């Protein structure tokens, strides 16, 4: 198989790519092994394989990826959504359901917009602000809000984290870069996805540290801050949060793999 050695699961990647070319889901493609690609589809298949062989990640080749049941358009200007980040969405949605009068939410470092879009799709009266320092990322986010009929409900802002955002907010969500700079060269992801969306500085906490300082003035009393972190940062991230929010309830939630993944600050 031409994808051997290029992916952790080349067979799955081939199935997903084939289904995409056929305009069907993977289950349909598996149930119809007799299906054939047209001449045009065969050409597209070969071009897609060539891109994968060059090292491009499958979601970028497809131009979209699923996150929380939604199709999210992607370009190499934004991070590929991960299943672990759905924990942040689930936690935020649960809190919003329990606090129906808390409806001002910010997604900091929005990237593709996947977090804000998932929240907005499930909470019709949510007021959304989404920020990113990258203008190209904001273009991708804008297209995703449009394709999910949420563009009229979000304020997209090019900003360095929370600088000059129209706060304060009831809910602040962030999946910021948290990989220590020294580890990036060891990781395949750093060769495939935007370094700006991965590099968390010397200890991986540079942006999270700044976010917590800014959020101290932007998170309303009784509000909630959720930030994804690396599993090695459980103690240090919690300590940073306590330094800015000494009276808050602070903990870390674990992902499906049992690793500490989500910093939760309840003011």
C-alpha atoms as a PDB file:
ATOM      1  CA  UNK A   1       0.000   0.000   0.000  1.00  0.00           C
ATOM      2  CA  UNK A   2       1.396   3.383  -1.000  1.00  0.00           C
ATOM      3  CA  UNK A   3       0.460   4.940   2.341  1.00  0.00           C
ATOM      4  CA  UNK A   4       2.452   2.468   4.444  1.00  0.00           C
ATOM      5  CA  UNK A   5       4.799   4.328   6.771  1.00  0.00           C
ATOM      6  CA  UNK A   6       3.100   7.675   6.142  1.00  0.00           C
ATOM      7  CA  UNK A   7       0.397   7.317   8.772  1.00  0.00           C
ATOM      8  CA  UNK A   8      -0.410   5.504  12.006  1.00  0.00           C
ATOM      9  CA  UNK A   9      -3.319   3.831  10.204  1.00  0.00           C
ATOM     10  CA  UNK A  10      -2.762   3.799   6.429  1.00  0.00           C
ATOM     11  CA  UNK A  11      -5.675   1.416   5.801  1.00  0.00           C
ATOM     12  CA  UNK A  12      -8.118   3.735   7.559  1.00  0.00           C
ATOM     13  CA  UNK A  13      -6.712   6.758   5.729  1.00  0.00           C
ATOM     14  CA  UNK A  14      -7.182   4.987   2.390  1.00  0.00           C
ATOM     15  CA  UNK A  15     -10.779   4.112   3.272  1.00  0.00           C
ATOM     16  CA  UNK A  16     -11.590   7.691   4.321  1.00  0.00           C
ATOM     17  CA  UNK A  17      -9.975   9.091   1.183  1.00  0.00           C
ATOM     18  CA  UNK A  18     -11.787   6.627  -1.096  1.00  0.00           C
ATOM     19  CA  UNK A  19     -15.140   7.411   0.527  1.00  0.00           C
ATOM     20  CA  UNK A  20     -14.467  11.114   0.063  1.00  0.00           C
ATOM     21  CA  UNK A  21     -13.702  10.583  -3.618  1.00  0.00           C
ATOM     22  CA  UNK A  22     -16.927   8.607  -4.037  1.00  0.00           C
ATOM     23  CA  UNK A  23     -18.956  11.265  -2.220  1.00  0.00           C
ATOM     24  CA  UNK A  24     -20.045   8.751   0.402  1.00  0.00           C
ATOM     25  CA  UNK A  25     -19.250   7.984   4.022  1.00  0.00           C
ATOM     26  CA  UNK A  26     -16.730   5.325   5.019  1.00  0.00           C
ATOM     27  CA  UNK A  27     -19.413   2.798   6.040  1.00  0.00           C
ATOM     28  CA  UNK A  28     -20.963   2.994   2.554  1.00  0.00           C
ATOM     29  CA  UNK A  29     -17.588   2.554   0.880  1.00  0.00           C
ATOM     30  CA  UNK A  30     -16.838  -0.541   2.990  1.00  0.00           C
ATOM     31  CA  UNK A  31     -20.263  -1.998   2.177  1.00  0.00           C
ATOM     32  CA  UNK A  32     -19.789  -1.468  -1.580  1.00  0.00           C
ATOM     33  CA  UNK A  33     -16.373  -2.883  -2.532  1.00  0.00           C
ATOM     34  CA  UNK A  34     -17.557  -3.142  -6.130  1.00  0.00           C
ATOM     35  CA  UNK A  35     -17.816   0.650  -6.474  1.00  0.00           C
ATOM     36  CA  UNK A  36     -15.437   2.091  -9.062  1.00  0.00           C
ATOM     37  CA  UNK A  37     -13.961   5.534  -9.490  1.00  0.00           C
ATOM     38  CA  UNK A  38     -14.708   7.446 -12.649  1.00  0.00           C
ATOM     39  CA  UNK A  39     -11.822   8.653 -14.805  1.00  0.00           C
ATOM     40  CA  UNK A  40     -12.020  12.086 -13.161  1.00  0.00           C
ATOM     41  CA  UNK A  41     -12.189  10.563  -9.687  1.00  0.00           C
ATOM     42  CA  UNK A  42      -9.206   8.340 -10.487  1.00  0.00           C
ATOM     43  CA  UNK A  43      -7.171  11.402 -11.409  1.00  0.00           C
ATOM     44  CA  UNK A  44      -8.233  13.079  -8.169  1.00  0.00           C
ATOM     45  CA  UNK A  45      -7.290   9.912  -6.271  1.00  0.00           C
ATOM     46  CA  UNK A  46      -3.782   9.915  -7.749  1.00  0.00           C
ATOM     47  CA  UNK A  47      -3.286  13.598  -6.965  1.00  0.00           C
ATOM     48  CA  UNK A  48      -4.472  13.042  -3.413  1.00  0.00           C
ATOM     49  CA  UNK A  49      -2.137  10.068  -2.947  1.00  0.00           C
ATOM     50  CA  UNK A  50       0.764  12.143  -4.229  1.00  0.00           C
ATOM     51  CA  UNK A  51      -0.011  14.837  -1.645  1.00  0.00           C
ATOM     52  CA  UNK A  52      -0.134  12.250   1.132  1.00  0.00           C
ATOM     53  CA  UNK A  53       3.133  10.732  -0.060  1.00  0.00           C
ATOM     54  CA  UNK A  54       4.731  14.171   0.106  1.00  0.00           C
ATOM     55  CA  UNK A  55       3.866  14.284   3.814  1.00  0.00           C
ATOM     56  CA  UNK A  56       0.680  16.367   3.755  1.00  0.00           C
ATOM     57  CA  UNK A  57      -1.838  15.399   6.429  1.00  0.00           C
ATOM     58  CA  UNK A  58      -5.026  13.654   5.292  1.00  0.00           C
ATOM     59  CA  UNK A  59      -7.458  16.309   6.631  1.00  0.00           C
ATOM     60  CA  UNK A  60      -5.713  18.985   4.548  1.00  0.00           C
ATOM     61  CA  UNK A  61      -5.885  16.764   1.471  1.00  0.00           C
ATOM     62  CA  UNK A  62      -9.601  16.249   2.066  1.00  0.00           C
ATOM     63  CA  UNK A  63     -10.071  19.950   2.817  1.00  0.00           C
ATOM     64  CA  UNK A  64     -12.309  19.175   5.787  1.00  0.00           C
ATOM     65  CA  UNK A  65     -12.531  17.117   8.968  1.00  0.00           C
ATOM     66  CA  UNK A  66     -15.256  16.149  11.399  1.00  0.00           C
ATOM     67  CA  UNK A  67     -15.386  17.693  14.853  1.00  0.00           C
ATOM     68  CA  UNK A  68     -18.214  17.148  17.321  1.00  0.00           C
ATOM     69  CA  UNK A  69     -20.408  15.847  14.500  1.00  0.00           C
ATOM     70  CA  UNK A  70     -19.796  18.903  12.313  1.00  0.00           C
ATOM     71  CA  UNK A  71     -17.855  19.224   9.058  1.00  0.00           C
ATOM     72  CA  UNK A  72     -15.059  21.763   9.481  1.00  0.00           C
ATOM     73  CA  UNK A  73     -13.223  23.112   6.421  1.00  0.00           C
ATOM     74  CA  UNK A  74      -9.447  23.114   6.783  1.00  0.00           C
ATOM     75  CA  UNK A  75      -6.348  24.574   5.179  1.00  0.00           C
ATOM     76  CA  UNK A  76      -2.717  24.247   6.331  1.00  0.00           C
ATOM     77  CA  UNK A  77      -3.170  27.660   8.009  1.00  0.00           C
ATOM     78  CA  UNK A  78      -5.075  26.085  10.915  1.00  0.00           C
ATOM     79  CA  UNK A  79      -4.664  23.203  13.321  1.00  0.00           C
ATOM     80  CA  UNK A  80      -6.494  19.955  12.602  1.00  0.00           C
ATOM     81  CA  UNK A  81      -9.258  19.460  15.235  1.00  0.00           C
ATOM     82  CA  UNK A  82      -8.568  16.582  17.645  1.00  0.00           C
ATOM     83  CA  UNK A  83     -11.031  14.314  19.460  1.00  0.00           C
ATOM     84  CA  UNK A  84      -9.460  15.350  22.800  1.00  0.00           C
ATOM     85  CA  UNK A  85     -10.743  18.891  22.275  1.00  0.00           C
ATOM     86  CA  UNK A  86     -14.317  17.601  22.320  1.00  0.00           C
ATOM     87  CA  UNK A  87     -13.895  17.347  26.100  1.00  0.00           C
ATOM     88  CA  UNK A  88     -13.688  21.148  26.206  1.00  0.00           C
ATOM     89  CA  UNK A  89     -16.860  21.454  24.134  1.00  0.00           C
ATOM     90  CA  UNK A  90     -18.758  18.917  26.231  1.00  0.00           C
ATOM     91  CA  UNK A  91     -17.718  20.650  29.459  1.00  0.00           C
ATOM     92  CA  UNK A  92     -18.703  24.066  28.119  1.00  0.00           C
ATOM     93  CA  UNK A  93     -22.077  22.845  26.845  1.00  0.00           C
ATOM     94  CA  UNK A  94     -22.874  21.210  30.172  1.00  0.00           C
ATOM     95  CA  UNK A  95     -22.052  24.437  32.013  1.00  0.00           C
ATOM     96  CA  UNK A  96     -24.097  26.555  29.581  1.00  0.00           C
ATOM     97  CA  UNK A  97     -27.087  24.237  30.020  1.00  0.00           C
ATOM     98  CA  UNK A  98     -26.834  24.655  33.800  1.00  0.00           C
ATOM     99  CA  UNK A  99     -26.437  28.435  33.497  1.00  0.00           C
ATOM    100  CA  UNK A 100     -29.045  29.592  30.961  1.00  0.00           C
ATOM    101  CA  UNK A 101     -28.477  33.288  31.685  1.00  0.00           C
ATOM    102  CA  UNK A 102     -24.748  33.052  30.944  1.00  0.00           C
ATOM    103  CA  UNK A 103     -24.546  33.653  27.224  1.00  0.00           C
ATOM    104  CA  UNK A 104     -21.422  35.718  26.453  1.00  0.00           C
ATOM    105  CA  UNK A 105     -18.689  33.377  25.239  1.00  0.00           C
ATOM    106  CA  UNK A 106     -15.205  33.886  23.799  1.00  0.00           C
ATOM    107  CA  UNK A 107     -13.070  31.369  21.891  1.00  0.00           C
ATOM    108  CA  UNK A 108      -9.453  32.529  22.073  1.00  0.00           C
ATOM    109  CA  UNK A 109      -7.089  31.335  19.356  1.00  0.00           C
ATOM    110  CA  UNK A 110     -10.066  30.057  17.395  1.00  0.00           C
ATOM    111  CA  UNK A 111      -8.127  28.632  14.422  1.00  0.00           C
ATOM    112  CA  UNK A 112     -10.662  26.855  12.219  1.00  0.00           C
ATOM    113  CA  UNK A 113     -13.436  28.038  14.548  1.00  0.00           C
ATOM    114  CA  UNK A 114     -14.359  24.470  15.488  1.00  0.00           C
ATOM    115  CA  UNK A 115     -14.877  25.089  19.223  1.00  0.00           C
ATOM    116  CA  UNK A 116     -17.020  28.198  18.819  1.00  0.00           C
ATOM    117  CA  UNK A 117     -18.997  26.580  15.999  1.00  0.00           C
ATOM    118  CA  UNK A 118     -19.748  23.481  18.081  1.00  0.00           C
ATOM    119  CA  UNK A 119     -20.929  25.677  20.951  1.00  0.00           C
ATOM    120  CA  UNK A 120     -23.017  27.934  18.721  1.00  0.00           C
ATOM    121  CA  UNK A 121     -24.617  24.997  16.914  1.00  0.00           C
ATOM    122  CA  UNK A 122     -25.883  23.583  20.220  1.00  0.00           C
ATOM    123  CA  UNK A 123     -26.768  26.823  22.048  1.00  0.00           C
ATOM    124  CA  UNK A 124     -28.910  28.980  19.729  1.00  0.00           C
ATOM    125  CA  UNK A 125     -28.848  32.109  21.931  1.00  0.00           C
ATOM    126  CA  UNK A 126     -25.101  32.083  22.607  1.00  0.00           C
ATOM    127  CA  UNK A 127     -23.268  35.348  21.840  1.00  0.00           C
ATOM    128  CA  UNK A 128     -19.905  34.429  20.355  1.00  0.00           C
ATOM    129  CA  UNK A 129     -16.596  36.251  20.018  1.00  0.00           C
ATOM    130  CA  UNK A 130     -13.751  34.391  18.301  1.00  0.00           C
ATOM    131  CA  UNK A 131     -10.217  35.734  18.134  1.00  0.00           C
ATOM    132  CA  UNK A 132      -6.988  34.708  16.463  1.00  0.00           C
ATOM    133  CA  UNK A 133      -3.697  36.453  15.801  1.00  0.00           C
ATOM    134  CA  UNK A 134      -3.544  34.953  12.301  1.00  0.00           C
ATOM    135  CA  UNK A 135      -5.545  36.685   9.570  1.00  0.00           C
ATOM    136  CA  UNK A 136      -5.396  33.512   7.465  1.00  0.00           C
ATOM    137  CA  UNK A 137      -6.824  31.452  10.293  1.00  0.00           C
ATOM    138  CA  UNK A 138      -9.650  33.964  10.661  1.00  0.00           C
ATOM    139  CA  UNK A 139     -10.449  33.573   6.960  1.00  0.00           C
ATOM    140  CA  UNK A 140     -10.837  29.821   7.476  1.00  0.00           C
ATOM    141  CA  UNK A 141     -12.936  30.399  10.595  1.00  0.00           C
ATOM    142  CA  UNK A 142     -15.155  32.858   8.741  1.00  0.00           C
ATOM    143  CA  UNK A 143     -15.837  30.302   5.998  1.00  0.00           C
ATOM    144  CA  UNK A 144     -16.694  27.672   8.614  1.00  0.00           C
ATOM    145  CA  UNK A 145     -19.090  29.961  10.471  1.00  0.00           C
ATOM    146  CA  UNK A 146     -20.747  30.706   7.131  1.00  0.00           C
ATOM    147  CA  UNK A 147     -21.110  27.055   6.125  1.00  0.00           C
ATOM    148  CA  UNK A 148     -22.666  26.305   9.531  1.00  0.00           C
ATOM    149  CA  UNK A 149     -25.066  29.303   9.360  1.00  0.00           C
ATOM    150  CA  UNK A 150     -23.461  31.018  12.339  1.00  0.00           C
ATOM    151  CA  UNK A 151     -21.734  33.984  10.738  1.00  0.00           C
ATOM    152  CA  UNK A 152     -24.396  36.439  11.940  1.00  0.00           C
ATOM    153  CA  UNK A 153     -23.903  35.260  15.545  1.00  0.00           C
ATOM    154  CA  UNK A 154     -20.147  35.659  15.901  1.00  0.00           C
ATOM    155  CA  UNK A 155     -17.783  38.590  16.164  1.00  0.00           C
ATOM    156  CA  UNK A 156     -14.471  37.601  14.573  1.00  0.00           C
ATOM    157  CA  UNK A 157     -11.523  39.632  15.838  1.00  0.00           C
ATOM    158  CA  UNK A 158      -7.865  39.581  14.874  1.00  0.00           C
ATOM    159  CA  UNK A 159      -6.207  39.919  18.253  1.00  0.00           C
ATOM    160  CA  UNK A 160      -3.297  38.805  20.382  1.00  0.00           C
ATOM    161  CA  UNK A 161      -5.284  36.531  22.697  1.00  0.00           C
ATOM    162  CA  UNK A 162      -7.806  38.773  24.538  1.00  0.00           C
ATOM    163  CA  UNK A 163      -6.371  42.198  23.769  1.00  0.00           C
ATOM    164  CA  UNK A 164      -9.127  44.686  22.885  1.00  0.00           C
ATOM    165  CA  UNK A 165     -11.905  42.102  22.833  1.00  0.00           C
ATOM    166  CA  UNK A 166     -15.475  43.240  23.619  1.00  0.00           C
ATOM    167  CA  UNK A 167     -15.598  41.624  27.064  1.00  0.00           C
ATOM    168  CA  UNK A 168     -16.242  40.789  29.788  1.00  0.00           C
ATOM    169  CA  UNK A 169     -17.395  37.205  29.210  1.00  0.00           C
ATOM    170  CA  UNK A 170     -19.292  34.505  31.057  1.00  0.00           C
ATOM    171  CA  UNK A 171     -17.334  31.738  29.314  1.00  0.00           C
ATOM    172  CA  UNK A 172     -13.779  31.800  27.975  1.00  0.00           C
ATOM    173  CA  UNK A 173     -12.544  28.819  25.953  1.00  0.00           C
ATOM    174  CA  UNK A 174      -9.061  28.316  24.542  1.00  0.00           C
ATOM    175  CA  UNK A 175      -7.072  25.628  22.791  1.00  0.00           C
ATOM    176  CA  UNK A 176      -3.795  27.519  22.552  1.00  0.00           C
ATOM    177  CA  UNK A 177      -0.337  26.262  21.553  1.00  0.00           C
ATOM    178  CA  UNK A 178       1.041  24.293  24.508  1.00  0.00           C
ATOM    179  CA  UNK A 179       3.910  22.185  23.160  1.00  0.00           C
ATOM    180  CA  UNK A 180       7.343  23.249  24.526  1.00  0.00           C
ATOM    181  CA  UNK A 181       9.484  24.688  21.710  1.00  0.00           C
ATOM    182  CA  UNK A 182      12.264  22.154  22.296  1.00  0.00           C
ATOM    183  CA  UNK A 183       9.920  19.243  21.546  1.00  0.00           C
ATOM    184  CA  UNK A 184       8.583  20.506  18.248  1.00  0.00           C
ATOM    185  CA  UNK A 185      11.397  19.236  16.032  1.00  0.00           C
ATOM    186  CA  UNK A 186      10.797  15.704  17.337  1.00  0.00           C
ATOM    187  CA  UNK A 187       7.124  15.701  16.348  1.00  0.00           C
ATOM    188  CA  UNK A 188       5.662  14.817  12.966  1.00  0.00           C
ATOM    189  CA  UNK A 189       2.767  17.177  13.674  1.00  0.00           C
ATOM    190  CA  UNK A 190       5.173  20.139  13.664  1.00  0.00           C
ATOM    191  CA  UNK A 191       6.151  19.319  10.082  1.00  0.00           C
ATOM    192  CA  UNK A 192       2.553  19.054   8.924  1.00  0.00           C
ATOM    193  CA  UNK A 193       0.627  21.707  10.827  1.00  0.00           C
ATOM    194  CA  UNK A 194       1.250  25.428  11.450  1.00  0.00           C
ATOM    195  CA  UNK A 195       4.014  25.957  13.993  1.00  0.00           C
ATOM    196  CA  UNK A 196       2.247  29.102  15.190  1.00  0.00           C
ATOM    197  CA  UNK A 197      -0.619  26.895  16.401  1.00  0.00           C
ATOM    198  CA  UNK A 198       1.694  24.487  18.235  1.00  0.00           C
ATOM    199  CA  UNK A 199       4.623  26.366  19.767  1.00  0.00           C
ATOM    200  CA  UNK A 200       3.894  27.120  23.424  1.00  0.00           C
ATOM    201  CA  UNK A 201       7.288  28.645  24.203  1.00  0.00           C
ATOM    202  CA  UNK A 202      10.077  27.278  26.432  1.00  0.00           C
ATOM    203  CA  UNK A 203       7.781  25.531  28.925  1.00  0.00           C
ATOM    204  CA  UNK A 204       4.726  25.232  26.683  1.00  0.00           C
ATOM    205  CA  UNK A 205       2.800  27.640  28.895  1.00  0.00           C
ATOM    206  CA  UNK A 206       3.765  31.042  27.466  1.00  0.00           C
ATOM    207  CA  UNK A 207       0.381  31.776  25.882  1.00  0.00           C
ATOM    208  CA  UNK A 208      -1.653  30.076  28.618  1.00  0.00           C
ATOM    209  CA  UNK A 209       0.168  32.193  31.204  1.00  0.00           C
ATOM    210  CA  UNK A 210      -0.697  35.379  29.279  1.00  0.00           C
ATOM    211  CA  UNK A 211      -4.291  34.255  28.743  1.00  0.00           C
ATOM    212  CA  UNK A 212      -4.807  33.736  32.472  1.00  0.00           C
ATOM    213  CA  UNK A 213      -3.430  37.213  33.224  1.00  0.00           C
ATOM    214  CA  UNK A 214      -5.752  38.799  30.666  1.00  0.00           C
ATOM    215  CA  UNK A 215      -8.746  36.688  31.669  1.00  0.00           C
ATOM    216  CA  UNK A 216      -8.470  37.928  35.253  1.00  0.00           C
ATOM    217  CA  UNK A 217     -10.039  41.196  34.035  1.00  0.00           C
ATOM    218  CA  UNK A 218     -12.332  39.658  31.400  1.00  0.00           C
ATOM    219  CA  UNK A 219     -14.016  36.720  33.148  1.00  0.00           C
ATOM    220  CA  UNK A 220     -17.181  37.690  34.972  1.00  0.00           C
ATOM    221  CA  UNK A 221     -17.807  36.637  38.557  1.00  0.00           C
ATOM    222  CA  UNK A 222     -19.387  33.208  38.413  1.00  0.00           C
ATOM    223  CA  UNK A 223     -17.947  32.630  34.963  1.00  0.00           C
ATOM    224  CA  UNK A 224     -15.967  29.692  33.605  1.00  0.00           C
ATOM    225  CA  UNK A 225     -12.592  29.469  31.862  1.00  0.00           C
ATOM    226  CA  UNK A 226     -11.591  26.305  29.993  1.00  0.00           C
ATOM    227  CA  UNK A 227      -8.136  25.827  28.479  1.00  0.00           C
ATOM    228  CA  UNK A 228      -6.660  22.717  26.932  1.00  0.00           C
ATOM    229  CA  UNK A 229      -3.176  21.838  28.209  1.00  0.00           C
ATOM    230  CA  UNK A 230      -0.508  19.196  27.703  1.00  0.00           C
ATOM    231  CA  UNK A 231      -0.755  16.199  30.022  1.00  0.00           C
ATOM    232  CA  UNK A 232       2.645  17.099  31.501  1.00  0.00           C
ATOM    233  CA  UNK A 233       1.371  20.515  32.637  1.00  0.00           C
ATOM    234  CA  UNK A 234      -1.229  19.452  35.196  1.00  0.00           C
ATOM    235  CA  UNK A 235       0.567  20.880  38.244  1.00  0.00           C
ATOM    236  CA  UNK A 236       2.102  23.935  36.577  1.00  0.00           C
ATOM    237  CA  UNK A 237      -1.073  24.991  34.756  1.00  0.00           C
ATOM    238  CA  UNK A 238      -3.147  24.703  37.931  1.00  0.00           C
ATOM    239  CA  UNK A 239      -0.553  26.753  39.845  1.00  0.00           C
ATOM    240  CA  UNK A 240      -0.648  29.485  37.210  1.00  0.00           C
ATOM    241  CA  UNK A 241      -4.439  29.602  37.404  1.00  0.00           C
ATOM    242  CA  UNK A 242      -4.390  29.854  41.211  1.00  0.00           C
ATOM    243  CA  UNK A 243      -1.982  32.754  40.973  1.00  0.00           C
ATOM    244  CA  UNK A 244      -4.470  34.762  38.905  1.00  0.00           C
ATOM    245  CA  UNK A 245      -7.707  33.381  40.403  1.00  0.00           C
ATOM    246  CA  UNK A 246      -6.952  32.706  44.096  1.00  0.00           C
ATOM    247  CA  UNK A 247     -10.636  32.457  45.038  1.00  0.00           C
ATOM    248  CA  UNK A 248     -11.702  30.279  42.103  1.00  0.00           C
ATOM    249  CA  UNK A 249     -12.402  26.557  41.997  1.00  0.00           C
ATOM    250  CA  UNK A 250      -9.628  25.087  39.851  1.00  0.00           C
ATOM    251  CA  UNK A 251      -9.165  21.543  38.591  1.00  0.00           C
ATOM    252  CA  UNK A 252      -8.053  19.522  35.566  1.00  0.00           C
ATOM    253  CA  UNK A 253     -10.343  17.151  33.720  1.00  0.00           C
ATOM    254  CA  UNK A 254      -8.996  13.972  32.128  1.00  0.00           C
ATOM    255  CA  UNK A 255      -9.527  12.929  28.521  1.00  0.00           C
ATOM    256  CA  UNK A 256     -10.670   9.489  27.334  1.00  0.00           C
ATOM    257  CA  UNK A 257      -7.093   8.245  27.564  1.00  0.00           C
ATOM    258  CA  UNK A 258      -7.056   9.169  31.253  1.00  0.00           C
ATOM    259  CA  UNK A 259      -4.612  12.038  30.781  1.00  0.00           C
ATOM    260  CA  UNK A 260      -5.067  15.496  32.361  1.00  0.00           C
ATOM    261  CA  UNK A 261      -6.216  17.614  29.431  1.00  0.00           C
ATOM    262  CA  UNK A 262      -8.532  20.436  30.401  1.00  0.00           C
ATOM    263  CA  UNK A 263      -7.840  23.235  32.881  1.00  0.00           C
ATOM    264  CA  UNK A 264     -11.143  24.363  34.446  1.00  0.00           C
ATOM    265  CA  UNK A 265     -11.386  27.629  36.354  1.00  0.00           C
ATOM    266  CA  UNK A 266     -14.768  28.372  37.941  1.00  0.00           C
ATOM    267  CA  UNK A 267     -14.722  31.925  39.274  1.00  0.00           C
END
